[in-house]
PDB file of N, CA and C in Angstrom:
ATOM      1  N   MET A   1      21.942   4.454   1.630  1.00  0.00           N
ATOM      2  CA  MET A   1      22.902   3.504   2.154  1.00  0.00           C
ATOM      3  C   MET A   1      22.509   3.027   3.555  1.00  0.00           C
ATOM      4  N   VAL A   2      21.737   3.832   4.247  1.00  0.00           N
ATOM      5  CA  VAL A   2      21.326   3.448   5.596  1.00  0.00           C
ATOM      6  C   VAL A   2      20.475   2.185   5.561  1.00  0.00           C
ATOM      7  N   GLU A   3      19.553   2.121   4.602  1.00  0.00           N
ATOM      8  CA  GLU A   3      18.709   0.930   4.501  1.00  0.00           C
ATOM      9  C   GLU A   3      19.517  -0.303   4.134  1.00  0.00           C
ATOM     10  N   ALA A   4      20.497  -0.149   3.286  1.00  0.00           N
ATOM     11  CA  ALA A   4      21.363  -1.280   2.931  1.00  0.00           C
ATOM     12  C   ALA A   4      22.140  -1.752   4.157  1.00  0.00           C
ATOM     13  N   LYS A   5      22.606  -0.807   4.959  1.00  0.00           N
ATOM     14  CA  LYS A   5      23.329  -1.153   6.185  1.00  0.00           C
ATOM     15  C   LYS A   5      22.403  -1.893   7.141  1.00  0.00           C
ATOM     16  N   TRP A   6      21.177  -1.403   7.296  1.00  0.00           N
ATOM     17  CA  TRP A   6      20.217  -2.077   8.165  1.00  0.00           C
ATOM     18  C   TRP A   6      19.968  -3.495   7.691  1.00  0.00           C
ATOM     19  N   CYS A   7      19.789  -3.664   6.394  1.00  0.00           N
ATOM     20  CA  CYS A   7      19.524  -4.986   5.831  1.00  0.00           C
ATOM     21  C   CYS A   7      20.717  -5.921   6.041  1.00  0.00           C
ATOM     22  N   HIS A   8      21.903  -5.422   5.772  1.00  0.00           N
ATOM     23  CA  HIS A   8      23.123  -6.231   5.907  1.00  0.00           C
ATOM     24  C   HIS A   8      23.340  -6.675   7.354  1.00  0.00           C
ATOM     25  N   GLU A   9      23.019  -5.787   8.297  1.00  0.00           N
ATOM     26  CA  GLU A   9      23.220  -6.103   9.715  1.00  0.00           C
ATOM     27  C   GLU A   9      22.034  -6.855  10.321  1.00  0.00           C
ATOM     28  N   GLY A  10      20.948  -7.005   9.549  1.00  0.00           N
ATOM     29  CA  GLY A  10      19.771  -7.660  10.080  1.00  0.00           C
ATOM     30  C   GLY A  10      19.033  -6.797  11.099  1.00  0.00           C
ATOM     31  N   TYR A  11      19.257  -5.499  11.032  1.00  0.00           N
ATOM     32  CA  TYR A  11      18.669  -4.557  11.983  1.00  0.00           C
ATOM     33  C   TYR A  11      17.271  -4.149  11.526  1.00  0.00           C
ATOM     34  N   ILE A  12      16.324  -4.146  12.439  1.00  0.00           N
ATOM     35  CA  ILE A  12      14.977  -3.677  12.148  1.00  0.00           C
ATOM     36  C   ILE A  12      14.820  -2.320  12.815  1.00  0.00           C
ATOM     37  N   PRO A  13      14.726  -1.264  12.013  1.00  0.00           N
ATOM     38  CA  PRO A  13      14.665   0.087  12.584  1.00  0.00           C
ATOM     39  C   PRO A  13      13.317   0.352  13.260  1.00  0.00           C
ATOM     40  N   THR A  14      13.347   1.298  14.177  1.00  0.00           N
ATOM     41  CA  THR A  14      12.094   1.753  14.768  1.00  0.00           C
ATOM     42  C   THR A  14      11.351   2.563  13.716  1.00  0.00           C
ATOM     43  N   TYR A  15      10.080   2.813  13.969  1.00  0.00           N
ATOM     44  CA  TYR A  15       9.304   3.599  13.018  1.00  0.00           C
ATOM     45  C   TYR A  15       9.904   4.989  12.848  1.00  0.00           C
ATOM     46  N   ASP A  16      10.329   5.603  13.955  1.00  0.00           N
ATOM     47  CA  ASP A  16      10.898   6.950  13.867  1.00  0.00           C
ATOM     48  C   ASP A  16      12.200   6.968  13.064  1.00  0.00           C
ATOM     49  N   GLU A  17      13.053   5.958  13.248  1.00  0.00           N
ATOM     50  CA  GLU A  17      14.283   5.871  12.454  1.00  0.00           C
ATOM     51  C   GLU A  17      13.953   5.712  10.970  1.00  0.00           C
ATOM     52  N   TYR A  18      12.992   4.850  10.699  1.00  0.00           N
ATOM     53  CA  TYR A  18      12.588   4.608   9.311  1.00  0.00           C
ATOM     54  C   TYR A  18      11.992   5.866   8.692  1.00  0.00           C
ATOM     55  N   LYS A  19      11.163   6.569   9.457  1.00  0.00           N
ATOM     56  CA  LYS A  19      10.505   7.771   8.960  1.00  0.00           C
ATOM     57  C   LYS A  19      11.530   8.862   8.647  1.00  0.00           C
ATOM     58  N   ILE A  20      12.506   9.055   9.506  1.00  0.00           N
ATOM     59  CA  ILE A  20      13.535  10.071   9.262  1.00  0.00           C
ATOM     60  C   ILE A  20      14.319   9.730   8.006  1.00  0.00           C
ATOM     61  N   ASN A  21      14.721   8.486   7.863  1.00  0.00           N
ATOM     62  CA  ASN A  21      15.452   8.075   6.669  1.00  0.00           C
ATOM     63  C   ASN A  21      14.565   8.165   5.434  1.00  0.00           C
ATOM     64  N   GLY A  22      13.297   7.826   5.586  1.00  0.00           N
ATOM     65  CA  GLY A  22      12.360   7.896   4.467  1.00  0.00           C
ATOM     66  C   GLY A  22      12.175   9.303   3.942  1.00  0.00           C
ATOM     67  N   MET A  23      12.157  10.288   4.850  1.00  0.00           N
ATOM     68  CA  MET A  23      12.034  11.680   4.412  1.00  0.00           C
ATOM     69  C   MET A  23      13.250  12.108   3.610  1.00  0.00           C
ATOM     70  N   LEU A  24      14.410  11.627   4.018  1.00  0.00           N
ATOM     71  CA  LEU A  24      15.643  12.003   3.323  1.00  0.00           C
ATOM     72  C   LEU A  24      15.750  11.359   1.950  1.00  0.00           C
ATOM     73  N   THR A  25      15.241  10.137   1.831  1.00  0.00           N
ATOM     74  CA  THR A  25      15.397   9.416   0.569  1.00  0.00           C
ATOM     75  C   THR A  25      14.214   9.586  -0.381  1.00  0.00           C
ATOM     76  N   SER A  26      13.159  10.227   0.089  1.00  0.00           N
ATOM     77  CA  SER A  26      12.017  10.488  -0.781  1.00  0.00           C
ATOM     78  C   SER A  26      12.379  11.601  -1.758  1.00  0.00           C
ATOM     79  N   CYS A  27      11.852  11.527  -2.949  1.00  0.00           N
ATOM     80  CA  CYS A  27      12.165  12.555  -3.952  1.00  0.00           C
ATOM     81  C   CYS A  27      11.141  13.686  -3.941  1.00  0.00           C
ATOM     82  N   CYS A  28      10.316  13.736  -2.920  1.00  0.00           N
ATOM     83  CA  CYS A  28       9.248  14.732  -2.861  1.00  0.00           C
ATOM     84  C   CYS A  28       9.795  16.161  -2.885  1.00  0.00           C
ATOM     85  N   SER A  29      10.833  16.442  -2.116  1.00  0.00           N
ATOM     86  CA  SER A  29      11.411  17.798  -2.102  1.00  0.00           C
ATOM     87  C   SER A  29      11.930  18.177  -3.480  1.00  0.00           C
ATOM     88  N   LEU A  30      12.538  17.238  -4.148  1.00  0.00           N
ATOM     89  CA  LEU A  30      13.045  17.488  -5.495  1.00  0.00           C
ATOM     90  C   LEU A  30      11.900  17.775  -6.464  1.00  0.00           C
ATOM     91  N   LEU A  31      10.830  17.019  -6.359  1.00  0.00           N
ATOM     92  CA  LEU A  31       9.682  17.237  -7.239  1.00  0.00           C
ATOM     93  C   LEU A  31       9.018  18.588  -6.985  1.00  0.00           C
ATOM     94  N   VAL A  32       8.895  18.961  -5.713  1.00  0.00           N
ATOM     95  CA  VAL A  32       8.300  20.268  -5.391  1.00  0.00           C
ATOM     96  C   VAL A  32       9.170  21.380  -5.938  1.00  0.00           C
ATOM     97  N   THR A  33      10.476  21.278  -5.739  1.00  0.00           N
ATOM     98  CA  THR A  33      11.396  22.304  -6.235  1.00  0.00           C
ATOM     99  C   THR A  33      11.339  22.396  -7.753  1.00  0.00           C
ATOM    100  N   THR A  34      11.308  21.265  -8.426  1.00  0.00           N
ATOM    101  CA  THR A  34      11.231  21.257  -9.884  1.00  0.00           C
ATOM    102  C   THR A  34       9.938  21.895 -10.368  1.00  0.00           C
ATOM    103  N   PHE A  35       8.823  21.528  -9.730  1.00  0.00           N
ATOM    104  CA  PHE A  35       7.535  22.092 -10.116  1.00  0.00           C
ATOM    105  C   PHE A  35       7.504  23.608  -9.920  1.00  0.00           C
ATOM    106  N   VAL A  36       8.021  24.066  -8.794  1.00  0.00           N
ATOM    107  CA  VAL A  36       8.040  25.508  -8.499  1.00  0.00           C
ATOM    108  C   VAL A  36       8.899  26.241  -9.515  1.00  0.00           C
ATOM    109  N   CYS A  37      10.044  25.674  -9.859  1.00  0.00           N
ATOM    110  CA  CYS A  37      10.967  26.341 -10.787  1.00  0.00           C
ATOM    111  C   CYS A  37      10.402  26.422 -12.207  1.00  0.00           C
ATOM    112  N   LEU A  38       9.456  25.568 -12.534  1.00  0.00           N
ATOM    113  CA  LEU A  38       8.850  25.619 -13.860  1.00  0.00           C
ATOM    114  C   LEU A  38       7.887  26.796 -14.011  1.00  0.00           C
ATOM    115  N   GLY A  39       7.386  27.287 -12.904  1.00  0.00           N
ATOM    116  CA  GLY A  39       6.409  28.368 -12.960  1.00  0.00           C
ATOM    117  C   GLY A  39       7.046  29.741 -12.899  1.00  0.00           C
ATOM    118  N   ASP A  40       6.229  30.730 -13.204  1.00  0.00           N
ATOM    119  CA  ASP A  40       6.692  32.114 -13.147  1.00  0.00           C
ATOM    120  C   ASP A  40       6.753  32.638 -11.722  1.00  0.00           C
ATOM    121  N   PHE A  41       6.232  31.883 -10.779  1.00  0.00           N
ATOM    122  CA  PHE A  41       6.165  32.345  -9.398  1.00  0.00           C
ATOM    123  C   PHE A  41       7.380  31.949  -8.561  1.00  0.00           C
ATOM    124  N   ALA A  42       8.384  31.328  -9.164  1.00  0.00           N
ATOM    125  CA  ALA A  42       9.581  30.917  -8.440  1.00  0.00           C
ATOM    126  C   ALA A  42      10.389  32.141  -8.041  1.00  0.00           C
ATOM    127  N   THR A  43      10.589  32.285  -6.737  1.00  0.00           N
ATOM    128  CA  THR A  43      11.400  33.385  -6.214  1.00  0.00           C
ATOM    129  C   THR A  43      12.433  32.805  -5.263  1.00  0.00           C
ATOM    130  N   LYS A  44      13.398  33.595  -4.935  1.00  0.00           N
ATOM    131  CA  LYS A  44      14.419  33.151  -3.982  1.00  0.00           C
ATOM    132  C   LYS A  44      13.792  32.844  -2.629  1.00  0.00           C
ATOM    133  N   ASP A  45      12.832  33.667  -2.205  1.00  0.00           N
ATOM    134  CA  ASP A  45      12.161  33.429  -0.927  1.00  0.00           C
ATOM    135  C   ASP A  45      11.418  32.096  -0.921  1.00  0.00           C
ATOM    136  N   LEU A  46      10.769  31.777  -2.012  1.00  0.00           N
ATOM    137  CA  LEU A  46      10.037  30.513  -2.103  1.00  0.00           C
ATOM    138  C   LEU A  46      10.994  29.329  -2.062  1.00  0.00           C
ATOM    139  N   LEU A  47      12.090  29.418  -2.778  1.00  0.00           N
ATOM    140  CA  LEU A  47      13.075  28.325  -2.766  1.00  0.00           C
ATOM    141  C   LEU A  47      13.726  28.202  -1.398  1.00  0.00           C
ATOM    142  N   ASP A  48      13.997  29.323  -0.735  1.00  0.00           N
ATOM    143  CA  ASP A  48      14.538  29.274   0.623  1.00  0.00           C
ATOM    144  C   ASP A  48      13.546  28.601   1.573  1.00  0.00           C
ATOM    145  N   TRP A  49      12.258  28.878   1.382  1.00  0.00           N
ATOM    146  CA  TRP A  49      11.228  28.264   2.216  1.00  0.00           C
ATOM    147  C   TRP A  49      11.216  26.750   2.017  1.00  0.00           C
ATOM    148  N   ILE A  50      11.324  26.308   0.772  1.00  0.00           N
ATOM    149  CA  ILE A  50      11.351  24.866   0.491  1.00  0.00           C
ATOM    150  C   ILE A  50      12.546  24.212   1.171  1.00  0.00           C
ATOM    151  N   LEU A  51      13.686  24.884   1.172  1.00  0.00           N
ATOM    152  CA  LEU A  51      14.894  24.320   1.779  1.00  0.00           C
ATOM    153  C   LEU A  51      14.815  24.225   3.298  1.00  0.00           C
ATOM    154  N   THR A  52      13.882  24.951   3.915  1.00  0.00           N
ATOM    155  CA  THR A  52      13.719  24.837   5.372  1.00  0.00           C
ATOM    156  C   THR A  52      12.959  23.571   5.748  1.00  0.00           C
ATOM    157  N   LYS A  53      12.526  22.810   4.742  1.00  0.00           N
ATOM    158  CA  LYS A  53      11.771  21.569   4.933  1.00  0.00           C
ATOM    159  C   LYS A  53      10.547  21.800   5.828  1.00  0.00           C
ATOM    160  N   PRO A  54       9.594  22.581   5.328  1.00  0.00           N
ATOM    161  CA  PRO A  54       8.381  22.838   6.115  1.00  0.00           C
ATOM    162  C   PRO A  54       7.580  21.558   6.348  1.00  0.00           C
ATOM    163  N   ASP A  55       6.694  21.617   7.325  1.00  0.00           N
ATOM    164  CA  ASP A  55       5.915  20.428   7.709  1.00  0.00           C
ATOM    165  C   ASP A  55       5.171  19.807   6.542  1.00  0.00           C
ATOM    166  N   ILE A  56       4.637  20.616   5.662  1.00  0.00           N
ATOM    167  CA  ILE A  56       3.859  20.068   4.541  1.00  0.00           C
ATOM    168  C   ILE A  56       4.731  19.233   3.609  1.00  0.00           C
ATOM    169  N   ILE A  57       5.964  19.657   3.379  1.00  0.00           N
ATOM    170  CA  ILE A  57       6.859  18.888   2.510  1.00  0.00           C
ATOM    171  C   ILE A  57       7.350  17.639   3.233  1.00  0.00           C
ATOM    172  N   ARG A  58       7.614  17.742   4.532  1.00  0.00           N
ATOM    173  CA  ARG A  58       8.026  16.558   5.284  1.00  0.00           C
ATOM    174  C   ARG A  58       6.905  15.519   5.305  1.00  0.00           C
ATOM    175  N   ALA A  59       5.662  15.978   5.513  1.00  0.00           N
ATOM    176  CA  ALA A  59       4.525  15.051   5.526  1.00  0.00           C
ATOM    177  C   ALA A  59       4.337  14.396   4.157  1.00  0.00           C
ATOM    178  N   ALA A  60       4.432  15.192   3.105  1.00  0.00           N
ATOM    179  CA  ALA A  60       4.291  14.639   1.755  1.00  0.00           C
ATOM    180  C   ALA A  60       5.414  13.643   1.459  1.00  0.00           C
ATOM    181  N   SER A  61       6.608  13.910   1.963  1.00  0.00           N
ATOM    182  CA  SER A  61       7.733  12.992   1.761  1.00  0.00           C
ATOM    183  C   SER A  61       7.484  11.653   2.434  1.00  0.00           C
ATOM    184  N   VAL A  62       6.967  11.692   3.654  1.00  0.00           N
ATOM    185  CA  VAL A  62       6.678  10.443   4.365  1.00  0.00           C
ATOM    186  C   VAL A  62       5.576   9.670   3.649  1.00  0.00           C
ATOM    187  N   ILE A  63       4.527  10.366   3.231  1.00  0.00           N
ATOM    188  CA  ILE A  63       3.427   9.708   2.521  1.00  0.00           C
ATOM    189  C   ILE A  63       3.924   9.080   1.219  1.00  0.00           C
ATOM    190  N   ALA A  64       4.727   9.832   0.470  1.00  0.00           N
ATOM    191  CA  ALA A  64       5.253   9.308  -0.793  1.00  0.00           C
ATOM    192  C   ALA A  64       6.118   8.080  -0.551  1.00  0.00           C
ATOM    193  N   ARG A  65       6.922   8.116   0.488  1.00  0.00           N
ATOM    194  CA  ARG A  65       7.807   6.988   0.783  1.00  0.00           C
ATOM    195  C   ARG A  65       7.016   5.759   1.184  1.00  0.00           C
ATOM    196  N   VAL A  66       6.010   5.943   2.033  1.00  0.00           N
ATOM    197  CA  VAL A  66       5.198   4.809   2.467  1.00  0.00           C
ATOM    198  C   VAL A  66       4.437   4.207   1.285  1.00  0.00           C
ATOM    199  N   LEU A  67       3.880   5.056   0.433  1.00  0.00           N
ATOM    200  CA  LEU A  67       3.181   4.550  -0.751  1.00  0.00           C
ATOM    201  C   LEU A  67       4.131   3.781  -1.666  1.00  0.00           C
ATOM    202  N   ASP A  68       5.338   4.267  -1.812  1.00  0.00           N
ATOM    203  CA  ASP A  68       6.334   3.567  -2.625  1.00  0.00           C
ATOM    204  C   ASP A  68       6.666   2.205  -2.016  1.00  0.00           C
ATOM    205  N   ASP A  69       6.816   2.175  -0.709  1.00  0.00           N
ATOM    206  CA  ASP A  69       7.129   0.910  -0.042  1.00  0.00           C
ATOM    207  C   ASP A  69       5.973  -0.086  -0.154  1.00  0.00           C
ATOM    208  N   ILE A  70       4.752   0.405  -0.067  1.00  0.00           N
ATOM    209  CA  ILE A  70       3.593  -0.469  -0.209  1.00  0.00           C
ATOM    210  C   ILE A  70       3.572  -1.065  -1.624  1.00  0.00           C
ATOM    211  N   GLY A  71       3.817  -0.218  -2.621  1.00  0.00           N
ATOM    212  CA  GLY A  71       3.863  -0.705  -4.006  1.00  0.00           C
ATOM    213  C   GLY A  71       4.967  -1.719  -4.221  1.00  0.00           C
ATOM    214  N   SER A  72       6.136  -1.443  -3.664  1.00  0.00           N
ATOM    215  CA  SER A  72       7.260  -2.375  -3.800  1.00  0.00           C
ATOM    216  C   SER A  72       6.952  -3.703  -3.117  1.00  0.00           C
ATOM    217  N   HIS A  73       6.295  -3.647  -1.980  1.00  0.00           N
ATOM    218  CA  HIS A  73       5.953  -4.852  -1.254  1.00  0.00           C
ATOM    219  C   HIS A  73       4.965  -5.706  -2.036  1.00  0.00           C
ATOM    220  N   LYS A  74       3.972  -5.057  -2.648  1.00  0.00           N
ATOM    221  CA  LYS A  74       2.998  -5.796  -3.458  1.00  0.00           C
ATOM    222  C   LYS A  74       3.653  -6.495  -4.624  1.00  0.00           C
ATOM    223  N   VAL A  75       4.622  -5.821  -5.257  1.00  0.00           N
ATOM    224  CA  VAL A  75       5.338  -6.425  -6.391  1.00  0.00           C
ATOM    225  C   VAL A  75       6.197  -7.590  -5.911  1.00  0.00           C
ATOM    226  N   SER A  76       6.875  -7.437  -4.794  1.00  0.00           N
ATOM    227  CA  SER A  76       7.773  -8.500  -4.318  1.00  0.00           C
ATOM    228  C   SER A  76       7.003  -9.739  -3.876  1.00  0.00           C
ATOM    229  N   ILE A  77       5.752  -9.582  -3.466  1.00  0.00           N
ATOM    230  CA  ILE A  77       4.951 -10.745  -3.069  1.00  0.00           C
ATOM    231  C   ILE A  77       4.635 -11.599  -4.296  1.00  0.00           C
ATOM    232  N   HIS A  78       4.420 -10.989  -5.453  1.00  0.00           N
ATOM    233  CA  HIS A  78       4.045 -11.727  -6.659  1.00  0.00           C
ATOM    234  C   HIS A  78       5.215 -12.456  -7.303  1.00  0.00           C
ATOM    235  N   PHE A  79       6.430 -12.130  -6.916  1.00  0.00           N
ATOM    236  CA  PHE A  79       7.594 -12.777  -7.545  1.00  0.00           C
ATOM    237  C   PHE A  79       8.223 -13.722  -6.621  1.00  0.00           C
TER     238      PHE A  79
END
């Protein structure tokens, strides 16, 4: 909803604002949790670690979000 609010208000977020929102809206944490839970190595400690949002998951979330935005931008240019 934050991005919709920015768009409606004509607000252009700073990179840091965009990055923080991008980490929250990326599905990377969900995918990591799902992948871990499918394996026999899923433990409470591992799931607790994922919930602390370690740097590797935050970085992967930002990368996934930026790649998604690049793909969306390429599609919107063609239409």
